N, C-alpha and C. Protein backbone atom coordinates (compact mmCIF):
# COMPACT_ATOMS: atom_id res chain seq x y z
N MET A 1 12.03 -8.87 -4.39
CA MET A 1 12.29 -9.20 -5.82
C MET A 1 13.77 -9.42 -6.13
N GLU A 2 14.57 -9.04 -5.29
CA GLU A 2 16.02 -9.26 -5.56
C GLU A 2 16.50 -10.64 -5.70
N ASN A 3 15.79 -11.58 -5.05
CA ASN A 3 16.14 -12.91 -5.09
C ASN A 3 15.80 -13.66 -6.34
N LEU A 4 15.05 -12.99 -7.18
CA LEU A 4 14.51 -13.71 -8.41
C LEU A 4 15.61 -13.53 -9.52
N ASP A 5 15.40 -14.32 -10.44
CA ASP A 5 16.22 -14.40 -11.65
C ASP A 5 16.20 -13.06 -12.29
N LEU A 6 17.25 -12.48 -12.85
CA LEU A 6 17.31 -11.21 -13.45
C LEU A 6 16.19 -10.92 -14.62
N ARG A 7 15.88 -11.80 -15.36
CA ARG A 7 14.86 -11.81 -16.39
C ARG A 7 13.49 -11.54 -15.71
N ILE A 8 13.23 -12.25 -14.72
CA ILE A 8 11.91 -12.13 -13.94
C ILE A 8 11.89 -10.77 -13.38
N GLN A 9 13.00 -10.33 -12.68
CA GLN A 9 13.03 -8.94 -12.15
C GLN A 9 12.67 -7.88 -13.16
N LYS A 10 13.37 -8.03 -14.33
CA LYS A 10 13.21 -6.96 -15.41
C LYS A 10 11.63 -7.10 -15.86
N THR A 11 11.05 -8.29 -15.99
CA THR A 11 9.70 -8.49 -16.35
C THR A 11 8.77 -7.78 -15.33
N TYR A 12 8.88 -8.05 -13.99
CA TYR A 12 8.17 -7.40 -12.97
C TYR A 12 8.36 -5.93 -12.95
N LYS A 13 9.50 -5.47 -13.04
CA LYS A 13 9.81 -3.98 -13.10
C LYS A 13 9.08 -3.38 -14.24
N SER A 14 9.10 -3.89 -15.34
CA SER A 14 8.43 -3.28 -16.60
C SER A 14 6.90 -3.39 -16.37
N LEU A 15 6.42 -4.53 -15.84
CA LEU A 15 4.86 -4.59 -15.54
C LEU A 15 4.56 -3.50 -14.65
N ILE A 16 5.28 -3.38 -13.60
CA ILE A 16 4.89 -2.46 -12.41
C ILE A 16 4.91 -1.02 -13.00
N GLU A 17 6.03 -0.67 -13.63
CA GLU A 17 6.14 0.68 -14.12
C GLU A 17 5.13 1.08 -15.14
N ASN A 18 4.90 0.18 -16.07
CA ASN A 18 3.95 0.47 -17.14
C ASN A 18 2.47 0.42 -16.71
N PHE A 19 2.24 -0.50 -15.72
CA PHE A 19 0.84 -0.57 -15.23
C PHE A 19 0.49 0.77 -14.53
N GLU A 20 1.53 1.27 -13.79
CA GLU A 20 1.23 2.57 -13.09
C GLU A 20 0.96 3.61 -14.07
N GLY A 21 1.75 3.64 -15.21
CA GLY A 21 1.50 4.58 -16.20
C GLY A 21 0.00 4.43 -16.95
N LEU A 22 -0.39 3.23 -17.05
CA LEU A 22 -1.84 3.00 -17.49
C LEU A 22 -2.72 3.46 -16.58
N LEU A 23 -2.49 3.44 -15.28
CA LEU A 23 -3.36 3.92 -14.19
C LEU A 23 -3.55 5.39 -14.31
N ASN A 24 -2.51 6.09 -14.84
CA ASN A 24 -2.59 7.62 -14.96
C ASN A 24 -3.53 7.90 -16.15
N GLU A 25 -3.75 6.94 -17.00
CA GLU A 25 -4.55 7.11 -18.10
C GLU A 25 -5.98 6.68 -18.03
N LYS A 26 -6.22 5.61 -17.28
CA LYS A 26 -7.60 5.04 -17.17
C LYS A 26 -7.76 4.24 -15.91
N GLU A 27 -8.96 3.94 -15.62
CA GLU A 27 -9.40 3.16 -14.47
C GLU A 27 -8.95 1.73 -14.60
N PHE A 28 -8.70 1.07 -13.40
CA PHE A 28 -8.30 -0.41 -13.46
C PHE A 28 -9.20 -1.18 -14.31
N GLU A 29 -10.56 -1.11 -13.98
CA GLU A 29 -11.48 -2.02 -14.65
C GLU A 29 -11.41 -1.83 -16.22
N LYS A 30 -10.87 -0.71 -16.70
CA LYS A 30 -10.92 -0.62 -18.18
C LYS A 30 -9.54 -0.93 -18.82
N ILE A 31 -8.61 -1.37 -17.94
CA ILE A 31 -7.25 -1.79 -18.43
C ILE A 31 -7.29 -3.32 -18.70
N SER A 32 -7.01 -3.78 -19.80
CA SER A 32 -6.85 -5.20 -20.10
C SER A 32 -5.54 -5.75 -19.95
N VAL A 33 -5.51 -7.06 -19.91
CA VAL A 33 -4.15 -7.81 -19.77
C VAL A 33 -3.36 -7.44 -21.05
N THR A 34 -4.08 -7.45 -22.26
CA THR A 34 -3.33 -7.12 -23.40
C THR A 34 -2.69 -5.61 -23.33
N GLU A 35 -3.32 -4.80 -22.85
CA GLU A 35 -2.80 -3.40 -22.76
C GLU A 35 -1.53 -3.39 -21.64
N ILE A 36 -1.65 -4.14 -20.62
CA ILE A 36 -0.65 -4.20 -19.60
C ILE A 36 0.64 -4.85 -20.35
N CYS A 37 0.42 -6.02 -21.10
CA CYS A 37 1.48 -6.65 -21.77
C CYS A 37 2.11 -5.72 -22.85
N ASP A 38 1.31 -5.04 -23.65
CA ASP A 38 1.84 -4.20 -24.70
C ASP A 38 2.63 -3.05 -24.19
N ALA A 39 2.09 -2.45 -23.06
CA ALA A 39 2.86 -1.36 -22.53
C ALA A 39 4.19 -1.93 -21.86
N ALA A 40 4.22 -2.99 -21.25
CA ALA A 40 5.39 -3.56 -20.63
C ALA A 40 6.35 -4.27 -21.66
N MET A 41 5.84 -4.39 -22.93
CA MET A 41 6.58 -5.06 -23.94
C MET A 41 6.97 -6.50 -23.53
N ILE A 42 5.81 -7.20 -23.11
CA ILE A 42 6.11 -8.73 -22.74
C ILE A 42 4.85 -9.47 -23.49
N ARG A 43 4.96 -10.68 -23.69
CA ARG A 43 3.89 -11.51 -24.30
C ARG A 43 2.97 -11.89 -23.23
N ARG A 44 1.73 -12.14 -23.72
CA ARG A 44 0.67 -12.53 -22.85
C ARG A 44 0.97 -13.91 -22.24
N PRO A 45 1.51 -14.79 -22.98
CA PRO A 45 1.97 -16.07 -22.24
C PRO A 45 2.91 -15.90 -21.15
N THR A 46 3.76 -14.89 -21.21
CA THR A 46 4.72 -14.47 -20.16
C THR A 46 4.00 -14.04 -18.94
N PHE A 47 3.06 -13.11 -19.29
CA PHE A 47 2.17 -12.55 -18.15
C PHE A 47 1.50 -13.68 -17.44
N TYR A 48 0.95 -14.65 -18.15
CA TYR A 48 0.09 -15.78 -17.50
C TYR A 48 1.03 -16.86 -16.85
N GLN A 49 2.24 -16.81 -17.13
CA GLN A 49 3.15 -17.71 -16.42
C GLN A 49 3.40 -17.27 -15.00
N HIS A 50 3.10 -16.02 -14.76
CA HIS A 50 3.41 -15.31 -13.50
C HIS A 50 2.08 -15.03 -12.78
N PHE A 51 1.08 -14.80 -13.43
CA PHE A 51 -0.21 -14.18 -12.81
C PHE A 51 -1.43 -14.97 -13.42
N LEU A 52 -2.40 -15.20 -12.60
CA LEU A 52 -3.60 -15.91 -13.08
C LEU A 52 -4.49 -14.97 -13.98
N ASP A 53 -4.60 -13.69 -13.67
CA ASP A 53 -5.43 -12.80 -14.31
C ASP A 53 -4.90 -11.37 -13.92
N LYS A 54 -5.53 -10.28 -14.26
CA LYS A 54 -5.18 -8.99 -13.94
C LYS A 54 -5.46 -8.64 -12.48
N TYR A 55 -6.39 -9.27 -11.85
CA TYR A 55 -6.62 -9.23 -10.45
C TYR A 55 -5.42 -9.78 -9.52
N ASP A 56 -4.94 -10.98 -10.02
CA ASP A 56 -3.85 -11.51 -9.48
C ASP A 56 -2.61 -10.63 -9.49
N PHE A 57 -2.41 -10.03 -10.75
CA PHE A 57 -1.39 -8.93 -10.91
C PHE A 57 -1.67 -7.76 -9.93
N LEU A 58 -2.91 -7.36 -9.82
CA LEU A 58 -3.14 -6.19 -9.06
C LEU A 58 -2.74 -6.42 -7.45
N THR A 59 -3.01 -7.69 -7.12
CA THR A 59 -2.60 -8.08 -5.76
C THR A 59 -1.01 -8.04 -5.63
N PHE A 60 -0.28 -8.46 -6.69
CA PHE A 60 1.10 -8.43 -6.71
C PHE A 60 1.56 -7.00 -6.63
N PHE A 61 0.87 -6.13 -7.56
CA PHE A 61 1.26 -4.67 -7.58
C PHE A 61 1.08 -3.99 -6.30
N ILE A 62 -0.03 -4.10 -5.53
CA ILE A 62 -0.26 -3.43 -4.39
C ILE A 62 0.66 -3.96 -3.29
N LYS A 63 0.99 -5.24 -3.21
CA LYS A 63 1.89 -5.78 -2.29
C LYS A 63 3.32 -5.14 -2.54
N HIS A 64 3.69 -4.97 -3.82
CA HIS A 64 4.94 -4.39 -4.03
C HIS A 64 5.00 -2.89 -3.53
N LYS A 65 3.89 -2.25 -3.82
CA LYS A 65 3.83 -0.90 -3.36
C LYS A 65 3.83 -0.78 -1.86
N MET A 66 3.17 -1.68 -1.21
CA MET A 66 3.17 -1.66 0.32
C MET A 66 4.72 -2.01 0.68
N ASN A 67 5.32 -2.95 0.09
CA ASN A 67 6.71 -3.25 0.43
C ASN A 67 7.51 -2.04 0.41
N LEU A 68 7.43 -1.24 -0.62
CA LEU A 68 8.14 0.00 -0.80
C LEU A 68 7.95 0.87 0.42
N VAL A 69 6.73 1.04 0.71
CA VAL A 69 6.31 2.06 1.80
C VAL A 69 6.79 1.50 3.08
N PHE A 70 6.58 0.27 3.45
CA PHE A 70 7.11 -0.32 4.69
C PHE A 70 8.47 -0.53 4.77
N ASP A 71 9.20 -0.73 3.63
CA ASP A 71 10.77 -0.94 3.63
C ASP A 71 11.30 0.47 4.06
N TYR A 72 10.70 1.52 3.39
CA TYR A 72 11.23 2.83 3.69
C TYR A 72 11.04 3.10 5.10
N ALA A 73 9.99 2.79 5.71
CA ALA A 73 9.73 3.14 7.19
C ALA A 73 10.64 2.34 8.08
N PHE A 74 10.83 0.99 7.61
CA PHE A 74 11.83 0.10 8.45
C PHE A 74 13.24 0.70 8.41
N GLN A 75 13.73 1.06 7.20
CA GLN A 75 14.96 1.59 6.98
C GLN A 75 15.23 2.83 7.70
N ASN A 76 14.28 3.78 7.92
CA ASN A 76 14.47 5.10 8.31
C ASN A 76 13.97 5.41 9.72
N ILE A 77 13.44 4.31 10.43
CA ILE A 77 12.82 4.54 11.71
C ILE A 77 13.97 4.87 12.70
N ASN A 78 15.04 4.52 12.66
CA ASN A 78 16.10 4.84 13.52
C ASN A 78 16.82 6.15 13.16
N GLU A 79 16.95 6.35 11.82
CA GLU A 79 17.69 7.63 11.25
C GLU A 79 16.94 8.81 11.42
N LYS A 80 15.66 8.78 11.16
CA LYS A 80 14.78 9.97 11.19
C LYS A 80 13.98 10.00 12.59
N GLU A 81 13.92 11.13 12.99
CA GLU A 81 13.11 11.40 14.25
C GLU A 81 11.68 11.10 13.90
N GLY A 82 11.06 10.07 14.58
CA GLY A 82 9.71 9.96 14.24
C GLY A 82 9.15 8.50 14.48
N ASP A 83 7.91 8.47 14.17
CA ASP A 83 7.19 7.25 14.42
C ASP A 83 7.10 6.48 13.14
N PHE A 84 7.09 5.09 13.29
CA PHE A 84 6.86 4.17 12.21
C PHE A 84 5.69 4.64 11.24
N PHE A 85 4.60 4.86 11.91
CA PHE A 85 3.39 5.12 11.12
C PHE A 85 3.33 6.50 10.44
N VAL A 86 4.11 7.37 11.04
CA VAL A 86 4.31 8.84 10.39
C VAL A 86 5.15 8.60 9.14
N LEU A 87 6.19 7.77 9.17
CA LEU A 87 6.99 7.41 8.01
C LEU A 87 6.15 6.76 6.89
N VAL A 88 5.15 5.90 7.28
CA VAL A 88 4.39 5.20 6.37
C VAL A 88 3.45 6.21 5.78
N PHE A 89 2.77 7.09 6.56
CA PHE A 89 1.88 8.10 6.11
C PHE A 89 2.55 8.97 5.23
N GLU A 90 3.80 9.59 5.39
CA GLU A 90 4.50 10.47 4.59
C GLU A 90 4.71 9.57 3.19
N GLN A 91 5.04 8.40 3.16
CA GLN A 91 5.27 7.74 1.91
C GLN A 91 4.03 7.60 1.17
N LEU A 92 2.98 7.29 1.90
CA LEU A 92 1.58 7.29 1.06
C LEU A 92 1.16 8.69 0.42
N LEU A 93 1.51 9.74 1.23
CA LEU A 93 1.29 10.99 0.59
C LEU A 93 1.93 11.22 -0.64
N ASN A 94 3.10 10.59 -0.79
CA ASN A 94 3.92 10.71 -2.01
C ASN A 94 3.45 9.91 -3.18
N GLU A 95 2.62 8.87 -2.88
CA GLU A 95 2.12 8.08 -4.00
C GLU A 95 1.20 8.97 -4.93
N SER A 96 1.14 8.34 -6.24
CA SER A 96 0.35 9.07 -7.15
C SER A 96 -1.19 8.91 -6.86
N ASP A 97 -1.91 9.89 -7.09
CA ASP A 97 -3.31 10.05 -6.68
C ASP A 97 -3.99 8.77 -7.35
N ASN A 98 -3.67 8.26 -8.60
CA ASN A 98 -4.32 7.17 -9.20
C ASN A 98 -4.08 5.93 -8.67
N VAL A 99 -2.83 5.60 -8.08
CA VAL A 99 -2.45 4.37 -7.35
C VAL A 99 -3.36 4.36 -6.13
N LEU A 100 -3.45 5.56 -5.37
CA LEU A 100 -4.11 5.66 -4.17
C LEU A 100 -5.52 5.51 -4.26
N GLU A 101 -6.12 6.07 -5.34
CA GLU A 101 -7.51 6.00 -5.77
C GLU A 101 -7.85 4.62 -6.05
N LEU A 102 -6.94 3.86 -6.72
CA LEU A 102 -7.24 2.33 -7.00
C LEU A 102 -7.36 1.65 -5.75
N ILE A 103 -6.30 1.91 -4.69
CA ILE A 103 -6.41 1.16 -3.50
C ILE A 103 -7.64 1.46 -2.65
N PHE A 104 -8.08 2.66 -2.68
CA PHE A 104 -9.17 3.15 -1.90
C PHE A 104 -10.45 2.56 -2.63
N SER A 105 -10.53 2.64 -3.79
CA SER A 105 -11.73 2.07 -4.54
C SER A 105 -12.00 0.61 -4.33
N ILE A 106 -10.78 -0.08 -4.28
CA ILE A 106 -10.81 -1.52 -3.98
C ILE A 106 -11.47 -1.81 -2.62
N GLN A 107 -11.27 -0.95 -1.57
CA GLN A 107 -11.89 -1.17 -0.46
C GLN A 107 -13.47 -1.11 -0.40
N MET A 108 -14.00 -0.36 -1.48
CA MET A 108 -15.37 -0.12 -1.69
C MET A 108 -15.94 -1.23 -2.54
N ASN A 109 -15.23 -2.01 -3.32
CA ASN A 109 -15.74 -2.83 -4.35
C ASN A 109 -15.49 -4.24 -3.76
N SER A 110 -16.62 -4.96 -3.19
CA SER A 110 -16.59 -6.17 -2.60
C SER A 110 -16.01 -7.27 -3.54
N ASP A 111 -16.29 -7.17 -4.80
CA ASP A 111 -15.88 -8.19 -5.77
C ASP A 111 -14.36 -8.41 -5.73
N ILE A 112 -13.74 -7.19 -5.80
CA ILE A 112 -12.39 -7.02 -5.94
C ILE A 112 -11.62 -7.34 -4.51
N MET A 113 -12.41 -6.83 -3.49
CA MET A 113 -11.91 -7.16 -2.09
C MET A 113 -11.64 -8.57 -1.81
N LEU A 114 -12.62 -9.43 -2.23
CA LEU A 114 -12.40 -10.90 -2.10
C LEU A 114 -10.99 -11.27 -2.67
N GLU A 115 -10.65 -10.79 -3.79
CA GLU A 115 -9.41 -10.99 -4.39
C GLU A 115 -8.21 -10.50 -3.55
N MET A 116 -8.49 -9.38 -2.92
CA MET A 116 -7.52 -8.62 -2.29
C MET A 116 -7.33 -8.99 -0.81
N ALA A 117 -7.92 -10.09 -0.36
CA ALA A 117 -7.87 -10.54 1.06
C ALA A 117 -6.46 -10.77 1.54
N SER A 118 -5.52 -11.29 0.67
CA SER A 118 -4.25 -11.57 1.01
C SER A 118 -3.35 -10.21 1.27
N VAL A 119 -3.81 -9.21 0.37
CA VAL A 119 -3.16 -7.86 0.61
C VAL A 119 -3.59 -7.31 1.99
N GLN A 120 -4.71 -7.46 2.39
CA GLN A 120 -5.32 -6.91 3.66
C GLN A 120 -4.47 -7.70 4.77
N GLU A 121 -4.45 -8.90 4.75
CA GLU A 121 -3.76 -9.80 5.64
C GLU A 121 -2.25 -9.42 5.70
N TYR A 122 -1.71 -9.10 4.61
CA TYR A 122 -0.17 -8.85 4.58
C TYR A 122 -0.13 -7.57 5.27
N GLY A 123 -0.84 -6.48 4.91
CA GLY A 123 -0.73 -5.13 5.59
C GLY A 123 -0.90 -5.22 7.07
N GLN A 124 -1.97 -6.04 7.48
CA GLN A 124 -1.97 -6.23 8.95
C GLN A 124 -0.95 -6.85 9.66
N LYS A 125 -0.32 -7.79 8.92
CA LYS A 125 0.85 -8.48 9.48
C LYS A 125 2.05 -7.51 9.72
N MET A 126 2.24 -6.73 8.61
CA MET A 126 3.36 -5.70 8.69
C MET A 126 3.05 -4.67 9.76
N LEU A 127 1.87 -4.21 9.95
CA LEU A 127 1.63 -3.28 10.95
C LEU A 127 1.60 -3.81 12.39
N ARG A 128 1.23 -5.03 12.50
CA ARG A 128 1.02 -5.73 13.82
C ARG A 128 2.30 -5.57 14.74
N THR A 129 3.45 -5.79 14.06
CA THR A 129 4.64 -5.72 14.68
C THR A 129 5.15 -4.39 15.20
N HIS A 130 4.41 -3.31 14.67
CA HIS A 130 4.79 -1.98 14.89
C HIS A 130 3.85 -1.10 15.78
N VAL A 131 2.92 -1.87 16.42
CA VAL A 131 2.03 -1.25 17.30
C VAL A 131 2.58 -1.37 18.75
N ASN A 132 2.55 -0.28 19.45
CA ASN A 132 2.95 -0.39 20.69
C ASN A 132 2.26 -1.17 21.71
N GLY A 133 2.41 -2.47 21.79
CA GLY A 133 1.64 -3.34 22.59
C GLY A 133 2.20 -3.67 23.94
N GLY A 134 3.61 -3.57 23.96
CA GLY A 134 4.24 -3.78 25.23
C GLY A 134 4.15 -5.23 25.70
N GLU A 135 4.89 -5.62 26.70
CA GLU A 135 4.82 -6.89 27.35
C GLU A 135 3.84 -6.92 28.33
N SER A 136 2.95 -7.91 28.34
CA SER A 136 1.80 -7.84 29.34
C SER A 136 1.41 -9.39 29.69
N LYS A 137 1.12 -9.63 30.86
CA LYS A 137 0.45 -10.97 31.11
C LYS A 137 -1.02 -11.02 30.89
N ASN A 138 -1.55 -10.00 30.41
CA ASN A 138 -2.99 -9.89 30.12
C ASN A 138 -3.20 -10.76 28.77
N LYS A 139 -4.13 -11.73 28.92
CA LYS A 139 -4.44 -12.57 27.80
C LYS A 139 -5.12 -11.91 26.60
N LEU A 140 -5.66 -10.73 26.93
CA LEU A 140 -6.19 -9.87 25.79
C LEU A 140 -5.26 -9.09 25.02
N GLN A 141 -4.01 -8.88 25.57
CA GLN A 141 -3.00 -8.06 24.98
C GLN A 141 -2.80 -8.24 23.52
N PRO A 142 -2.65 -9.37 23.00
CA PRO A 142 -2.55 -9.55 21.57
C PRO A 142 -3.67 -9.08 20.70
N PHE A 143 -4.96 -9.15 21.24
CA PHE A 143 -6.04 -8.63 20.69
C PHE A 143 -6.09 -7.12 20.63
N VAL A 144 -5.75 -6.60 21.87
CA VAL A 144 -5.66 -5.06 21.95
C VAL A 144 -4.50 -4.57 21.08
N THR A 145 -3.52 -5.24 20.79
CA THR A 145 -2.39 -4.69 19.93
C THR A 145 -2.91 -4.89 18.51
N GLU A 146 -3.63 -5.96 18.01
CA GLU A 146 -4.19 -6.10 16.73
C GLU A 146 -5.21 -4.97 16.58
N TYR A 147 -6.03 -4.77 17.49
CA TYR A 147 -7.12 -3.74 17.40
C TYR A 147 -6.48 -2.31 17.19
N LYS A 148 -5.40 -1.93 17.95
CA LYS A 148 -4.69 -0.75 17.79
C LYS A 148 -4.08 -0.59 16.39
N GLY A 149 -3.66 -1.68 15.80
CA GLY A 149 -3.05 -1.75 14.53
C GLY A 149 -4.10 -1.45 13.47
N GLN A 150 -5.26 -2.11 13.66
CA GLN A 150 -6.50 -1.85 12.75
C GLN A 150 -6.88 -0.40 12.78
N ILE A 151 -7.04 0.20 13.96
CA ILE A 151 -7.42 1.54 14.09
C ILE A 151 -6.41 2.43 13.49
N ILE A 152 -5.06 2.35 13.80
CA ILE A 152 -4.14 3.20 13.15
C ILE A 152 -4.06 3.00 11.71
N MET A 153 -4.22 1.73 11.24
CA MET A 153 -4.25 1.67 9.77
C MET A 153 -5.41 2.27 9.03
N GLY A 154 -6.57 2.19 9.74
CA GLY A 154 -7.75 2.87 9.10
C GLY A 154 -7.59 4.37 9.18
N VAL A 155 -7.10 5.03 10.31
CA VAL A 155 -6.80 6.37 10.40
C VAL A 155 -5.88 6.81 9.30
N THR A 156 -4.82 6.00 9.14
CA THR A 156 -3.78 6.39 8.21
C THR A 156 -4.34 6.45 6.73
N ILE A 157 -5.07 5.36 6.42
CA ILE A 157 -5.67 5.44 5.12
C ILE A 157 -6.74 6.46 4.89
N GLN A 158 -7.64 6.74 5.84
CA GLN A 158 -8.52 7.73 5.76
C GLN A 158 -7.85 9.08 5.66
N SER A 159 -6.80 9.35 6.51
CA SER A 159 -6.19 10.60 6.49
C SER A 159 -5.51 10.89 5.11
N VAL A 160 -4.83 9.78 4.56
CA VAL A 160 -4.28 10.09 3.15
C VAL A 160 -5.32 10.29 2.17
N TYR A 161 -6.54 9.65 2.29
CA TYR A 161 -7.66 9.93 1.44
C TYR A 161 -8.19 11.32 1.50
N TRP A 162 -8.33 11.77 2.81
CA TRP A 162 -8.89 13.10 3.10
C TRP A 162 -7.83 14.15 2.48
N TYR A 163 -6.63 14.02 2.75
CA TYR A 163 -5.62 14.84 2.35
C TYR A 163 -5.57 14.97 0.69
N LYS A 164 -5.69 13.92 0.11
CA LYS A 164 -5.70 13.89 -1.33
C LYS A 164 -6.90 14.69 -1.97
N ASN A 165 -8.02 14.64 -1.17
CA ASN A 165 -9.18 15.26 -1.68
C ASN A 165 -9.17 16.76 -1.24
N ASN A 166 -8.28 17.18 -0.27
CA ASN A 166 -8.30 18.57 0.30
C ASN A 166 -6.92 19.25 0.20
N LYS A 167 -6.12 18.73 -0.56
CA LYS A 167 -4.68 19.23 -0.61
C LYS A 167 -4.58 20.73 -1.13
N ASP A 168 -5.67 21.12 -1.68
CA ASP A 168 -5.59 22.47 -2.25
C ASP A 168 -5.94 23.43 -0.94
N LYS A 169 -6.42 22.87 0.11
CA LYS A 169 -6.68 23.63 1.36
C LYS A 169 -5.81 23.50 2.54
N ILE A 170 -4.86 22.46 2.46
CA ILE A 170 -3.93 22.26 3.49
C ILE A 170 -2.61 21.72 2.96
N GLY A 171 -1.43 22.15 3.39
CA GLY A 171 -0.23 21.80 2.93
C GLY A 171 0.23 20.48 3.51
N THR A 172 1.14 19.98 2.90
CA THR A 172 1.66 18.55 3.26
C THR A 172 2.19 18.62 4.69
N GLU A 173 3.03 19.60 5.07
CA GLU A 173 3.61 19.64 6.31
C GLU A 173 2.52 19.77 7.42
N GLU A 174 1.60 20.65 7.20
CA GLU A 174 0.51 20.79 8.10
C GLU A 174 -0.34 19.62 8.34
N MET A 175 -0.52 18.91 7.20
CA MET A 175 -1.24 17.56 7.24
C MET A 175 -0.37 16.57 8.13
N ILE A 176 0.85 16.46 7.96
CA ILE A 176 1.65 15.55 8.77
C ILE A 176 1.57 15.93 10.19
N LYS A 177 1.62 17.26 10.56
CA LYS A 177 1.36 17.56 11.91
C LYS A 177 0.08 17.23 12.45
N LEU A 178 -1.00 17.35 11.72
CA LEU A 178 -2.30 17.04 12.12
C LEU A 178 -2.41 15.44 12.35
N TYR A 179 -1.79 14.74 11.43
CA TYR A 179 -1.78 13.20 11.54
C TYR A 179 -1.00 12.78 12.80
N LYS A 180 0.11 13.44 13.17
CA LYS A 180 0.83 13.26 14.33
C LYS A 180 0.11 13.46 15.57
N ARG A 181 -0.57 14.46 15.65
CA ARG A 181 -1.51 14.83 16.68
C ARG A 181 -2.62 13.80 16.93
N THR A 182 -3.13 13.37 15.72
CA THR A 182 -4.20 12.25 15.83
C THR A 182 -3.57 11.03 16.48
N LEU A 183 -2.39 10.68 15.89
CA LEU A 183 -1.75 9.37 16.47
C LEU A 183 -1.54 9.48 17.87
N GLU A 184 -1.06 10.59 18.41
CA GLU A 184 -0.73 10.76 19.79
C GLU A 184 -1.99 10.48 20.68
N LYS A 185 -3.11 10.93 20.14
CA LYS A 185 -4.36 10.65 20.85
C LYS A 185 -4.74 9.22 20.95
N LEU A 186 -4.35 8.34 19.80
CA LEU A 186 -4.66 7.02 19.83
C LEU A 186 -3.75 6.16 20.58
N LYS A 187 -2.50 6.57 20.89
CA LYS A 187 -1.55 5.71 21.57
C LYS A 187 -1.67 5.83 22.98
């Protein structure tokens, strides 16, 4: 977002922050474009200059959230002892329940999932480069690498979902240790 005109950056920042606030109040399906615009203090025509509809904005919002999570992992992989996926997992644990619930519910809703195909492709691309595939002359290696990325992404998402539903029974640090042990078995 830094490469954009300052006015556009401010518009996007306001939309993202206020949309997240609206998600704390109600479900995505019940939020209208008018409510998003009113909360962000922008006009509807401005919204439609940037987005086709609220689903297009949702794609933008989730990609933005993913960027924050992945950027954190990229920036801290060398500074912090640990694994890229563990850093991603820790960031996801810190996301608000409503944002995560939205992302998880999208996986279940096939109508929205069609709209979100680009988000899934984006996430796969980001993860693909961080799966330990190694150099190999095996023609199947790219497929094995992609498969491992999909499995790890699925385990990560399901682990976050499980934790959010059981956080009264298990602490964050204990959950991170459990996730690390699970990853070790997959690699």
